[in-house]
PDB file of all heavy atoms in Angstrom:
ATOM      1  N   GLN A   1      -8.675 -17.070 -20.619  1.00  0.00           N
ATOM      2  CA  GLN A   1      -7.544 -16.289 -20.108  1.00  0.00           C
ATOM      3  C   GLN A   1      -7.238 -15.098 -21.021  1.00  0.00           C
ATOM      4  O   GLN A   1      -6.891 -14.018 -20.550  1.00  0.00           O
ATOM      5  CB  GLN A   1      -6.302 -17.174 -19.962  1.00  0.00           C
ATOM      6  CG  GLN A   1      -6.396 -18.166 -18.817  1.00  0.00           C
ATOM      7  CD  GLN A   1      -5.193 -19.088 -18.756  1.00  0.00           C
ATOM      8  OE1 GLN A   1      -4.288 -19.028 -19.584  1.00  0.00           O
ATOM      9  NE2 GLN A   1      -5.178 -19.977 -17.763  1.00  0.00           N
ATOM     10  N   ALA A   2      -7.384 -15.312 -22.305  1.00  0.00           N
ATOM     11  CA  ALA A   2      -7.115 -14.234 -23.263  1.00  0.00           C
ATOM     12  C   ALA A   2      -8.203 -13.155 -23.213  1.00  0.00           C
ATOM     13  O   ALA A   2      -7.937 -11.995 -23.567  1.00  0.00           O
ATOM     14  CB  ALA A   2      -6.999 -14.808 -24.672  1.00  0.00           C
ATOM     15  N   ARG A   3      -9.408 -13.517 -22.763  1.00  0.00           N
ATOM     16  CA  ARG A   3     -10.531 -12.572 -22.784  1.00  0.00           C
ATOM     17  C   ARG A   3     -10.703 -11.790 -21.474  1.00  0.00           C
ATOM     18  O   ARG A   3     -11.430 -10.793 -21.447  1.00  0.00           O
ATOM     19  CB  ARG A   3     -11.843 -13.307 -23.081  1.00  0.00           C
ATOM     20  CG  ARG A   3     -11.945 -13.908 -24.467  1.00  0.00           C
ATOM     21  CD  ARG A   3     -13.390 -14.241 -24.849  1.00  0.00           C
ATOM     22  NE  ARG A   3     -14.106 -15.042 -23.877  1.00  0.00           N
ATOM     23  CZ  ARG A   3     -14.039 -16.363 -23.797  1.00  0.00           C
ATOM     24  NH1 ARG A   3     -13.245 -17.044 -24.629  1.00  0.00           N
ATOM     25  NH2 ARG A   3     -14.744 -17.032 -22.889  1.00  0.00           N
ATOM     26  N   VAL A   4     -10.104 -12.230 -20.376  1.00  0.00           N
ATOM     27  CA  VAL A   4     -10.357 -11.555 -19.104  1.00  0.00           C
ATOM     28  C   VAL A   4      -9.845 -10.116 -19.130  1.00  0.00           C
ATOM     29  O   VAL A   4      -8.809  -9.812 -19.722  1.00  0.00           O
ATOM     30  CB  VAL A   4      -9.733 -12.307 -17.899  1.00  0.00           C
ATOM     31  CG1 VAL A   4     -10.384 -13.657 -17.707  1.00  0.00           C
ATOM     32  CG2 VAL A   4      -8.231 -12.429 -18.023  1.00  0.00           C
ATOM     33  N   GLU A   5     -10.601  -9.247 -18.481  1.00  0.00           N
ATOM     34  CA  GLU A   5     -10.225  -7.846 -18.349  1.00  0.00           C
ATOM     35  C   GLU A   5     -10.057  -7.524 -16.869  1.00  0.00           C
ATOM     36  O   GLU A   5     -10.901  -7.901 -16.050  1.00  0.00           O
ATOM     37  CB  GLU A   5     -11.307  -6.942 -18.957  1.00  0.00           C
ATOM     38  CG  GLU A   5     -11.538  -7.184 -20.451  1.00  0.00           C
ATOM     39  CD  GLU A   5     -12.740  -6.418 -20.969  1.00  0.00           C
ATOM     40  OE1 GLU A   5     -13.378  -5.686 -20.178  1.00  0.00           O
ATOM     41  OE2 GLU A   5     -13.047  -6.547 -22.174  1.00  0.00           O
ATOM     42  N   PRO A   6      -8.986  -6.830 -16.494  1.00  0.00           N
ATOM     43  CA  PRO A   6      -8.753  -6.566 -15.081  1.00  0.00           C
ATOM     44  C   PRO A   6      -9.727  -5.535 -14.505  1.00  0.00           C
ATOM     45  O   PRO A   6     -10.110  -4.586 -15.186  1.00  0.00           O
ATOM     46  CB  PRO A   6      -7.318  -6.022 -15.068  1.00  0.00           C
ATOM     47  CG  PRO A   6      -7.119  -5.444 -16.441  1.00  0.00           C
ATOM     48  CD  PRO A   6      -7.922  -6.295 -17.379  1.00  0.00           C
ATOM     49  N   VAL A   7     -10.106  -5.753 -13.264  1.00  0.00           N
ATOM     50  CA  VAL A   7     -10.876  -4.773 -12.495  1.00  0.00           C
ATOM     51  C   VAL A   7      -9.903  -4.127 -11.517  1.00  0.00           C
ATOM     52  O   VAL A   7      -9.322  -4.815 -10.671  1.00  0.00           O
ATOM     53  CB  VAL A   7     -12.038  -5.440 -11.737  1.00  0.00           C
ATOM     54  CG1 VAL A   7     -12.767  -4.410 -10.882  1.00  0.00           C
ATOM     55  CG2 VAL A   7     -12.996  -6.125 -12.710  1.00  0.00           C
ATOM     56  N   TYR A   8      -9.690  -2.832 -11.644  1.00  0.00           N
ATOM     57  CA  TYR A   8      -8.657  -2.145 -10.880  1.00  0.00           C
ATOM     58  C   TYR A   8      -9.218  -1.359  -9.701  1.00  0.00           C
ATOM     59  O   TYR A   8     -10.334  -0.861  -9.720  1.00  0.00           O
ATOM     60  CB  TYR A   8      -7.886  -1.162 -11.760  1.00  0.00           C
ATOM     61  CG  TYR A   8      -6.934  -1.805 -12.741  1.00  0.00           C
ATOM     62  CD1 TYR A   8      -7.115  -1.662 -14.118  1.00  0.00           C
ATOM     63  CD2 TYR A   8      -5.845  -2.549 -12.302  1.00  0.00           C
ATOM     64  CE1 TYR A   8      -6.235  -2.234 -15.024  1.00  0.00           C
ATOM     65  CE2 TYR A   8      -4.959  -3.126 -13.196  1.00  0.00           C
ATOM     66  CZ  TYR A   8      -5.160  -2.971 -14.546  1.00  0.00           C
ATOM     67  OH  TYR A   8      -4.287  -3.541 -15.441  1.00  0.00           O
ATOM     68  N   GLU A   9      -8.376  -1.246  -8.690  1.00  0.00           N
ATOM     69  CA  GLU A   9      -8.553  -0.316  -7.589  1.00  0.00           C
ATOM     70  C   GLU A   9      -7.366   0.649  -7.642  1.00  0.00           C
ATOM     71  O   GLU A   9      -6.227   0.204  -7.848  1.00  0.00           O
ATOM     72  CB  GLU A   9      -8.558  -1.091  -6.275  1.00  0.00           C
ATOM     73  CG  GLU A   9      -8.793  -0.274  -5.047  1.00  0.00           C
ATOM     74  CD  GLU A   9      -8.804  -1.123  -3.787  1.00  0.00           C
ATOM     75  OE1 GLU A   9      -8.705  -2.362  -3.881  1.00  0.00           O
ATOM     76  OE2 GLU A   9      -8.888  -0.537  -2.694  1.00  0.00           O
ATOM     77  N   THR A  10      -7.619   1.928  -7.495  1.00  0.00           N
ATOM     78  CA  THR A  10      -6.551   2.926  -7.587  1.00  0.00           C
ATOM     79  C   THR A  10      -6.157   3.406  -6.197  1.00  0.00           C
ATOM     80  O   THR A  10      -7.011   3.800  -5.399  1.00  0.00           O
ATOM     81  CB  THR A  10      -6.983   4.120  -8.445  1.00  0.00           C
ATOM     82  OG1 THR A  10      -7.332   3.643  -9.764  1.00  0.00           O
ATOM     83  CG2 THR A  10      -5.849   5.122  -8.586  1.00  0.00           C
ATOM     84  N   LEU A  11      -4.846   3.343  -5.909  1.00  0.00           N
ATOM     85  CA  LEU A  11      -4.315   3.765  -4.622  1.00  0.00           C
ATOM     86  C   LEU A  11      -3.414   4.974  -4.815  1.00  0.00           C
ATOM     87  O   LEU A  11      -2.812   5.162  -5.885  1.00  0.00           O
ATOM     88  CB  LEU A  11      -3.507   2.639  -3.976  1.00  0.00           C
ATOM     89  CG  LEU A  11      -4.219   1.293  -3.777  1.00  0.00           C
ATOM     90  CD1 LEU A  11      -3.252   0.261  -3.231  1.00  0.00           C
ATOM     91  CD2 LEU A  11      -5.395   1.448  -2.841  1.00  0.00           C
ATOM     92  N   GLU A  12      -3.298   5.780  -3.773  1.00  0.00           N
ATOM     93  CA  GLU A  12      -2.412   6.939  -3.803  1.00  0.00           C
ATOM     94  C   GLU A  12      -0.963   6.482  -3.747  1.00  0.00           C
ATOM     95  O   GLU A  12      -0.617   5.564  -2.979  1.00  0.00           O
ATOM     96  CB  GLU A  12      -2.727   7.853  -2.617  1.00  0.00           C
ATOM     97  CG  GLU A  12      -1.920   9.144  -2.587  1.00  0.00           C
ATOM     98  CD  GLU A  12      -2.220   9.978  -1.357  1.00  0.00           C
ATOM     99  OE1 GLU A  12      -3.249   9.730  -0.687  1.00  0.00           O
ATOM    100  OE2 GLU A  12      -1.398  10.878  -1.046  1.00  0.00           O
ATOM    101  N   GLY A  13      -0.119   7.102  -4.556  1.00  0.00           N
ATOM    102  CA  GLY A  13       1.303   6.783  -4.529  1.00  0.00           C
ATOM    103  C   GLY A  13       2.022   7.524  -3.425  1.00  0.00           C
ATOM    104  O   GLY A  13       1.406   8.116  -2.537  1.00  0.00           O
ATOM    105  N   TRP A  14       3.373   7.479  -3.471  1.00  0.00           N
ATOM    106  CA  TRP A  14       4.151   8.180  -2.459  1.00  0.00           C
ATOM    107  C   TRP A  14       5.349   8.855  -3.116  1.00  0.00           C
ATOM    108  O   TRP A  14       5.850   8.397  -4.155  1.00  0.00           O
ATOM    109  CB  TRP A  14       4.613   7.229  -1.350  1.00  0.00           C
ATOM    110  CG  TRP A  14       5.376   6.024  -1.860  1.00  0.00           C
ATOM    111  CD1 TRP A  14       6.715   5.911  -2.080  1.00  0.00           C
ATOM    112  CD2 TRP A  14       4.816   4.737  -2.197  1.00  0.00           C
ATOM    113  NE1 TRP A  14       7.028   4.655  -2.545  1.00  0.00           N
ATOM    114  CE2 TRP A  14       5.890   3.913  -2.618  1.00  0.00           C
ATOM    115  CE3 TRP A  14       3.520   4.217  -2.174  1.00  0.00           C
ATOM    116  CZ2 TRP A  14       5.703   2.596  -3.030  1.00  0.00           C
ATOM    117  CZ3 TRP A  14       3.340   2.908  -2.575  1.00  0.00           C
ATOM    118  CH2 TRP A  14       4.411   2.109  -2.996  1.00  0.00           C
ATOM    119  N   LYS A  15       5.754   9.970  -2.539  1.00  0.00           N
ATOM    120  CA  LYS A  15       6.855  10.748  -3.103  1.00  0.00           C
ATOM    121  C   LYS A  15       8.197  10.448  -2.445  1.00  0.00           C
ATOM    122  O   LYS A  15       9.246  10.694  -3.020  1.00  0.00           O
ATOM    123  CB  LYS A  15       6.554  12.251  -2.980  1.00  0.00           C
ATOM    124  CG  LYS A  15       5.368  12.701  -3.839  1.00  0.00           C
ATOM    125  CD  LYS A  15       5.580  12.367  -5.304  1.00  0.00           C
ATOM    126  CE  LYS A  15       4.406  12.787  -6.166  1.00  0.00           C
ATOM    127  NZ  LYS A  15       4.562  12.290  -7.585  1.00  0.00           N
ATOM    128  N   GLY A  16       8.155   9.941  -1.217  1.00  0.00           N
ATOM    129  CA  GLY A  16       9.402   9.592  -0.548  1.00  0.00           C
ATOM    130  C   GLY A  16      10.011   8.342  -1.157  1.00  0.00           C
ATOM    131  O   GLY A  16       9.475   7.731  -2.086  1.00  0.00           O
ATOM    132  N   THR A  17      11.143   7.920  -0.632  1.00  0.00           N
ATOM    133  CA  THR A  17      11.823   6.744  -1.166  1.00  0.00           C
ATOM    134  C   THR A  17      11.730   5.572  -0.206  1.00  0.00           C
ATOM    135  O   THR A  17      11.779   5.740   1.016  1.00  0.00           O
ATOM    136  CB  THR A  17      13.302   7.051  -1.473  1.00  0.00           C
ATOM    137  OG1 THR A  17      13.911   5.860  -2.021  1.00  0.00           O
ATOM    138  CG2 THR A  17      14.060   7.439  -0.210  1.00  0.00           C
ATOM    139  N   THR A  18      11.570   4.383  -0.773  1.00  0.00           N
ATOM    140  CA  THR A  18      11.617   3.148   0.009  1.00  0.00           C
ATOM    141  C   THR A  18      12.941   2.427  -0.182  1.00  0.00           C
ATOM    142  O   THR A  18      13.216   1.449   0.510  1.00  0.00           O
ATOM    143  CB  THR A  18      10.471   2.195  -0.390  1.00  0.00           C
ATOM    144  OG1 THR A  18      10.664   1.796  -1.755  1.00  0.00           O
ATOM    145  CG2 THR A  18       9.109   2.869  -0.253  1.00  0.00           C
ATOM    146  N   ALA A  19      13.747   2.885  -1.123  1.00  0.00           N
ATOM    147  CA  ALA A  19      14.996   2.197  -1.468  1.00  0.00           C
ATOM    148  C   ALA A  19      15.943   2.135  -0.273  1.00  0.00           C
ATOM    149  O   ALA A  19      16.252   3.151   0.350  1.00  0.00           O
ATOM    150  CB  ALA A  19      15.680   2.888  -2.642  1.00  0.00           C
ATOM    151  N   GLY A  20      16.374   0.932   0.062  1.00  0.00           N
ATOM    152  CA  GLY A  20      17.333   0.753   1.145  1.00  0.00           C
ATOM    153  C   GLY A  20      16.728   0.755   2.540  1.00  0.00           C
ATOM    154  O   GLY A  20      17.461   0.660   3.531  1.00  0.00           O
ATOM    155  N   ALA A  21      15.408   0.842   2.639  1.00  0.00           N
ATOM    156  CA  ALA A  21      14.769   0.853   3.962  1.00  0.00           C
ATOM    157  C   ALA A  21      14.998  -0.473   4.677  1.00  0.00           C
ATOM    158  O   ALA A  21      14.913  -1.542   4.071  1.00  0.00           O
ATOM    159  CB  ALA A  21      13.277   1.121   3.823  1.00  0.00           C
ATOM    160  N   ARG A  22      15.263  -0.401   5.991  1.00  0.00           N
ATOM    161  CA  ARG A  22      15.512  -1.614   6.768  1.00  0.00           C
ATOM    162  C   ARG A  22      14.583  -1.733   7.969  1.00  0.00           C
ATOM    163  O   ARG A  22      14.741  -2.627   8.799  1.00  0.00           O
ATOM    164  CB  ARG A  22      16.977  -1.670   7.199  1.00  0.00           C
ATOM    165  CG  ARG A  22      17.929  -1.731   6.012  1.00  0.00           C
ATOM    166  CD  ARG A  22      19.371  -1.930   6.411  1.00  0.00           C
ATOM    167  NE  ARG A  22      20.242  -1.937   5.237  1.00  0.00           N
ATOM    168  CZ  ARG A  22      21.544  -2.146   5.280  1.00  0.00           C
ATOM    169  NH1 ARG A  22      22.138  -2.386   6.454  1.00  0.00           N
ATOM    170  NH2 ARG A  22      22.274  -2.131   4.171  1.00  0.00           N
ATOM    171  N   SER A  23      13.608  -0.810   8.060  1.00  0.00           N
ATOM    172  CA  SER A  23      12.576  -0.902   9.089  1.00  0.00           C
ATOM    173  C   SER A  23      11.314  -0.232   8.566  1.00  0.00           C
ATOM    174  O   SER A  23      11.366   0.581   7.640  1.00  0.00           O
ATOM    175  CB  SER A  23      13.026  -0.239  10.393  1.00  0.00           C
ATOM    176  OG  SER A  23      12.957   1.170  10.287  1.00  0.00           O
ATOM    177  N   TRP A  24      10.174  -0.561   9.164  1.00  0.00           N
ATOM    178  CA  TRP A  24       8.914   0.042   8.746  1.00  0.00           C
ATOM    179  C   TRP A  24       8.953   1.553   8.897  1.00  0.00           C
ATOM    180  O   TRP A  24       8.326   2.283   8.119  1.00  0.00           O
ATOM    181  CB  TRP A  24       7.760  -0.541   9.561  1.00  0.00           C
ATOM    182  CG  TRP A  24       7.436  -1.963   9.235  1.00  0.00           C
ATOM    183  CD1 TRP A  24       7.736  -3.058   9.987  1.00  0.00           C
ATOM    184  CD2 TRP A  24       6.792  -2.460   8.048  1.00  0.00           C
ATOM    185  NE1 TRP A  24       7.321  -4.197   9.349  1.00  0.00           N
ATOM    186  CE2 TRP A  24       6.720  -3.867   8.166  1.00  0.00           C
ATOM    187  CE3 TRP A  24       6.263  -1.851   6.912  1.00  0.00           C
ATOM    188  CZ2 TRP A  24       6.151  -4.672   7.188  1.00  0.00           C
ATOM    189  CZ3 TRP A  24       5.686  -2.664   5.933  1.00  0.00           C
ATOM    190  CH2 TRP A  24       5.641  -4.047   6.067  1.00  0.00           C
ATOM    191  N   ASN A  25       9.682   2.031   9.920  1.00  0.00           N
ATOM    192  CA  ASN A  25       9.760   3.477  10.173  1.00  0.00           C
ATOM    193  C   ASN A  25      10.459   4.232   9.055  1.00  0.00           C
ATOM    194  O   ASN A  25      10.316   5.444   8.933  1.00  0.00           O
ATOM    195  CB  ASN A  25      10.470   3.749  11.505  1.00  0.00           C
ATOM    196  CG  ASN A  25       9.667   3.252  12.689  1.00  0.00           C
ATOM    197  OD1 ASN A  25       8.437   3.197  12.634  1.00  0.00           O
ATOM    198  ND2 ASN A  25      10.354   2.890  13.788  1.00  0.00           N
ATOM    199  N   ASP A  26      11.250   3.505   8.243  1.00  0.00           N
ATOM    200  CA  ASP A  26      11.963   4.141   7.128  1.00  0.00           C
ATOM    201  C   ASP A  26      11.077   4.327   5.901  1.00  0.00           C
ATOM    202  O   ASP A  26      11.491   4.972   4.931  1.00  0.00           O
ATOM    203  CB  ASP A  26      13.179   3.297   6.724  1.00  0.00           C
ATOM    204  CG  ASP A  26      14.225   3.181   7.821  1.00  0.00           C
ATOM    205  OD1 ASP A  26      14.278   4.081   8.677  1.00  0.00           O
ATOM    206  OD2 ASP A  26      14.992   2.191   7.822  1.00  0.00           O
ATOM    207  N   LEU A  27       9.873   3.761   5.919  1.00  0.00           N
ATOM    208  CA  LEU A  27       9.005   3.773   4.743  1.00  0.00           C
ATOM    209  C   LEU A  27       8.013   4.933   4.797  1.00  0.00           C
ATOM    210  O   LEU A  27       7.495   5.265   5.875  1.00  0.00           O
ATOM    211  CB  LEU A  27       8.209   2.462   4.660  1.00  0.00           C
ATOM    212  CG  LEU A  27       9.004   1.170   4.491  1.00  0.00           C
ATOM    213  CD1 LEU A  27       8.060  -0.033   4.555  1.00  0.00           C
ATOM    214  CD2 LEU A  27       9.774   1.159   3.177  1.00  0.00           C
ATOM    215  N   PRO A  28       7.716   5.541   3.651  1.00  0.00           N
ATOM    216  CA  PRO A  28       6.631   6.530   3.601  1.00  0.00           C
ATOM    217  C   PRO A  28       5.304   5.885   4.019  1.00  0.00           C
ATOM    218  O   PRO A  28       5.079   4.689   3.778  1.00  0.00           O
ATOM    219  CB  PRO A  28       6.590   6.954   2.127  1.00  0.00           C
ATOM    220  CG  PRO A  28       7.935   6.575   1.573  1.00  0.00           C
ATOM    221  CD  PRO A  28       8.376   5.379   2.335  1.00  0.00           C
ATOM    222  N   ALA A  29       4.435   6.671   4.619  1.00  0.00           N
ATOM    223  CA  ALA A  29       3.176   6.143   5.139  1.00  0.00           C
ATOM    224  C   ALA A  29       2.335   5.474   4.059  1.00  0.00           C
ATOM    225  O   ALA A  29       1.728   4.420   4.276  1.00  0.00           O
ATOM    226  CB  ALA A  29       2.374   7.272   5.804  1.00  0.00           C
ATOM    227  N   GLN A  30       2.320   6.047   2.852  1.00  0.00           N
ATOM    228  CA  GLN A  30       1.519   5.470   1.776  1.00  0.00           C
ATOM    229  C   GLN A  30       2.092   4.151   1.281  1.00  0.00           C
ATOM    230  O   GLN A  30       1.355   3.270   0.827  1.00  0.00           O
ATOM    231  CB  GLN A  30       1.390   6.455   0.610  1.00  0.00           C
ATOM    232  CG  GLN A  30       0.411   7.587   0.836  1.00  0.00           C
ATOM    233  CD  GLN A  30      -0.986   7.127   1.160  1.00  0.00           C
ATOM    234  OE1 GLN A  30      -1.575   7.565   2.146  1.00  0.00           O
ATOM    235  NE2 GLN A  30      -1.544   6.241   0.352  1.00  0.00           N
ATOM    236  N   ALA A  31       3.405   4.013   1.387  1.00  0.00           N
ATOM    237  CA  ALA A  31       4.032   2.749   1.005  1.00  0.00           C
ATOM    238  C   ALA A  31       3.625   1.642   1.978  1.00  0.00           C
ATOM    239  O   ALA A  31       3.335   0.511   1.573  1.00  0.00           O
ATOM    240  CB  ALA A  31       5.551   2.894   0.960  1.00  0.00           C
ATOM    241  N   VAL A  32       3.606   1.967   3.265  1.00  0.00           N
ATOM    242  CA  VAL A  32       3.152   1.012   4.275  1.00  0.00           C
ATOM    243  C   VAL A  32       1.696   0.634   4.009  1.00  0.00           C
ATOM    244  O   VAL A  32       1.310  -0.541   4.089  1.00  0.00           O
ATOM    245  CB  VAL A  32       3.316   1.582   5.701  1.00  0.00           C
ATOM    246  CG1 VAL A  32       2.714   0.622   6.734  1.00  0.00           C
ATOM    247  CG2 VAL A  32       4.780   1.854   6.009  1.00  0.00           C
ATOM    248  N   LYS A  33       0.887   1.639   3.688  1.00  0.00           N
ATOM    249  CA  LYS A  33      -0.523   1.402   3.395  1.00  0.00           C
ATOM    250  C   LYS A  33      -0.675   0.460   2.194  1.00  0.00           C
ATOM    251  O   LYS A  33      -1.542  -0.428   2.187  1.00  0.00           O
ATOM    252  CB  LYS A  33      -1.220   2.732   3.122  1.00  0.00           C
ATOM    253  CG  LYS A  33      -2.730   2.628   2.972  1.00  0.00           C
ATOM    254  CD  LYS A  33      -3.357   4.007   2.793  1.00  0.00           C
ATOM    255  CE  LYS A  33      -4.868   3.892   2.577  1.00  0.00           C
ATOM    256  NZ  LYS A  33      -5.485   5.249   2.403  1.00  0.00           N
ATOM    257  N   TYR A  34       0.154   0.643   1.164  1.00  0.00           N
ATOM    258  CA  TYR A  34       0.132  -0.212  -0.023  1.00  0.00           C
ATOM    259  C   TYR A  34       0.436  -1.660   0.349  1.00  0.00           C
ATOM    260  O   TYR A  34      -0.269  -2.583  -0.071  1.00  0.00           O
ATOM    261  CB  TYR A  34       1.138   0.310  -1.047  1.00  0.00           C
ATOM    262  CG  TYR A  34       1.206  -0.492  -2.336  1.00  0.00           C
ATOM    263  CD1 TYR A  34       0.197  -0.409  -3.281  1.00  0.00           C
ATOM    264  CD2 TYR A  34       2.297  -1.313  -2.622  1.00  0.00           C
ATOM    265  CE1 TYR A  34       0.261  -1.140  -4.470  1.00  0.00           C
ATOM    266  CE2 TYR A  34       2.378  -2.032  -3.808  1.00  0.00           C
ATOM    267  CZ  TYR A  34       1.351  -1.945  -4.722  1.00  0.00           C
ATOM    268  OH  TYR A  34       1.420  -2.663  -5.895  1.00  0.00           O
ATOM    269  N   VAL A  35       1.481  -1.855   1.148  1.00  0.00           N
ATOM    270  CA  VAL A  35       1.872  -3.203   1.556  1.00  0.00           C
ATOM    271  C   VAL A  35       0.753  -3.868   2.362  1.00  0.00           C
ATOM    272  O   VAL A  35       0.405  -5.025   2.131  1.00  0.00           O
ATOM    273  CB  VAL A  35       3.189  -3.168   2.364  1.00  0.00           C
ATOM    274  CG1 VAL A  35       3.501  -4.560   2.925  1.00  0.00           C
ATOM    275  CG2 VAL A  35       4.340  -2.666   1.500  1.00  0.00           C
ATOM    276  N   ARG A  36       0.191  -3.127   3.315  1.00  0.00           N
ATOM    277  CA  ARG A  36      -0.877  -3.691   4.141  1.00  0.00           C
ATOM    278  C   ARG A  36      -2.112  -4.039   3.311  1.00  0.00           C
ATOM    279  O   ARG A  36      -2.797  -5.040   3.571  1.00  0.00           O
ATOM    280  CB  ARG A  36      -1.268  -2.699   5.254  1.00  0.00           C
ATOM    281  CG  ARG A  36      -0.159  -2.436   6.272  1.00  0.00           C
ATOM    282  CD  ARG A  36       0.350  -3.698   6.908  1.00  0.00           C
ATOM    283  NE  ARG A  36       1.287  -3.486   7.979  1.00  0.00           N
ATOM    284  CZ  ARG A  36       2.170  -4.382   8.397  1.00  0.00           C
ATOM    285  NH1 ARG A  36       2.224  -5.580   7.829  1.00  0.00           N
ATOM    286  NH2 ARG A  36       2.991  -4.102   9.377  1.00  0.00           N
ATOM    287  N   HIS A  37      -2.393  -3.216   2.316  1.00  0.00           N
ATOM    288  CA  HIS A  37      -3.550  -3.492   1.461  1.00  0.00           C
ATOM    289  C   HIS A  37      -3.336  -4.738   0.617  1.00  0.00           C
ATOM    290  O   HIS A  37      -4.262  -5.529   0.414  1.00  0.00           O
ATOM    291  CB  HIS A  37      -3.842  -2.287   0.574  1.00  0.00           C
ATOM    292  CG  HIS A  37      -5.180  -2.351  -0.087  1.00  0.00           C
ATOM    293  ND1 HIS A  37      -6.359  -2.555   0.610  1.00  0.00           N
ATOM    294  CD2 HIS A  37      -5.555  -2.265  -1.395  1.00  0.00           C
ATOM    295  CE1 HIS A  37      -7.376  -2.592  -0.235  1.00  0.00           C
ATOM    296  NE2 HIS A  37      -6.914  -2.420  -1.449  1.00  0.00           N
ATOM    297  N   ILE A  38      -2.121  -4.937   0.137  1.00  0.00           N
ATOM    298  CA  ILE A  38      -1.793  -6.151  -0.610  1.00  0.00           C
ATOM    299  C   ILE A  38      -2.005  -7.379   0.273  1.00  0.00           C
ATOM    300  O   ILE A  38      -2.566  -8.385  -0.164  1.00  0.00           O
ATOM    301  CB  ILE A  38      -0.354  -6.080  -1.154  1.00  0.00           C
ATOM    302  CG1 ILE A  38      -0.324  -5.201  -2.413  1.00  0.00           C
ATOM    303  CG2 ILE A  38       0.175  -7.477  -1.479  1.00  0.00           C
ATOM    304  CD1 ILE A  38       1.055  -5.000  -2.999  1.00  0.00           C
ATOM    305  N   GLU A  39      -1.559  -7.303   1.526  1.00  0.00           N
ATOM    306  CA  GLU A  39      -1.779  -8.416   2.454  1.00  0.00           C
ATOM    307  C   GLU A  39      -3.260  -8.773   2.549  1.00  0.00           C
ATOM    308  O   GLU A  39      -3.643  -9.942   2.540  1.00  0.00           O
ATOM    309  CB  GLU A  39      -1.258  -8.063   3.850  1.00  0.00           C
ATOM    310  CG  GLU A  39       0.254  -8.035   3.973  1.00  0.00           C
ATOM    311  CD  GLU A  39       0.690  -7.703   5.391  1.00  0.00           C
ATOM    312  OE1 GLU A  39       0.134  -6.758   6.000  1.00  0.00           O
ATOM    313  OE2 GLU A  39       1.598  -8.376   5.907  1.00  0.00           O
ATOM    314  N   GLU A  40      -4.103  -7.757   2.662  1.00  0.00           N
ATOM    315  CA  GLU A  40      -5.548  -7.976   2.763  1.00  0.00           C
ATOM    316  C   GLU A  40      -6.102  -8.632   1.498  1.00  0.00           C
ATOM    317  O   GLU A  40      -6.917  -9.560   1.560  1.00  0.00           O
ATOM    318  CB  GLU A  40      -6.268  -6.643   3.003  1.00  0.00           C
ATOM    319  CG  GLU A  40      -5.999  -6.002   4.356  1.00  0.00           C
ATOM    320  CD  GLU A  40      -6.593  -4.611   4.442  1.00  0.00           C
ATOM    321  OE1 GLU A  40      -7.358  -4.224   3.531  1.00  0.00           O
ATOM    322  OE2 GLU A  40      -6.283  -3.891   5.417  1.00  0.00           O
TER     323      GLU A  40
END
């Protein structure tokens, strides 16, 4: 566990805000993409 090194994938961030969003339509497109990728 002490020796493992992470293998990363880099995703594009987003400039809009997700704070206080209460529907998918309130989220920036890249934020939605991030969530969907995590699910996968």
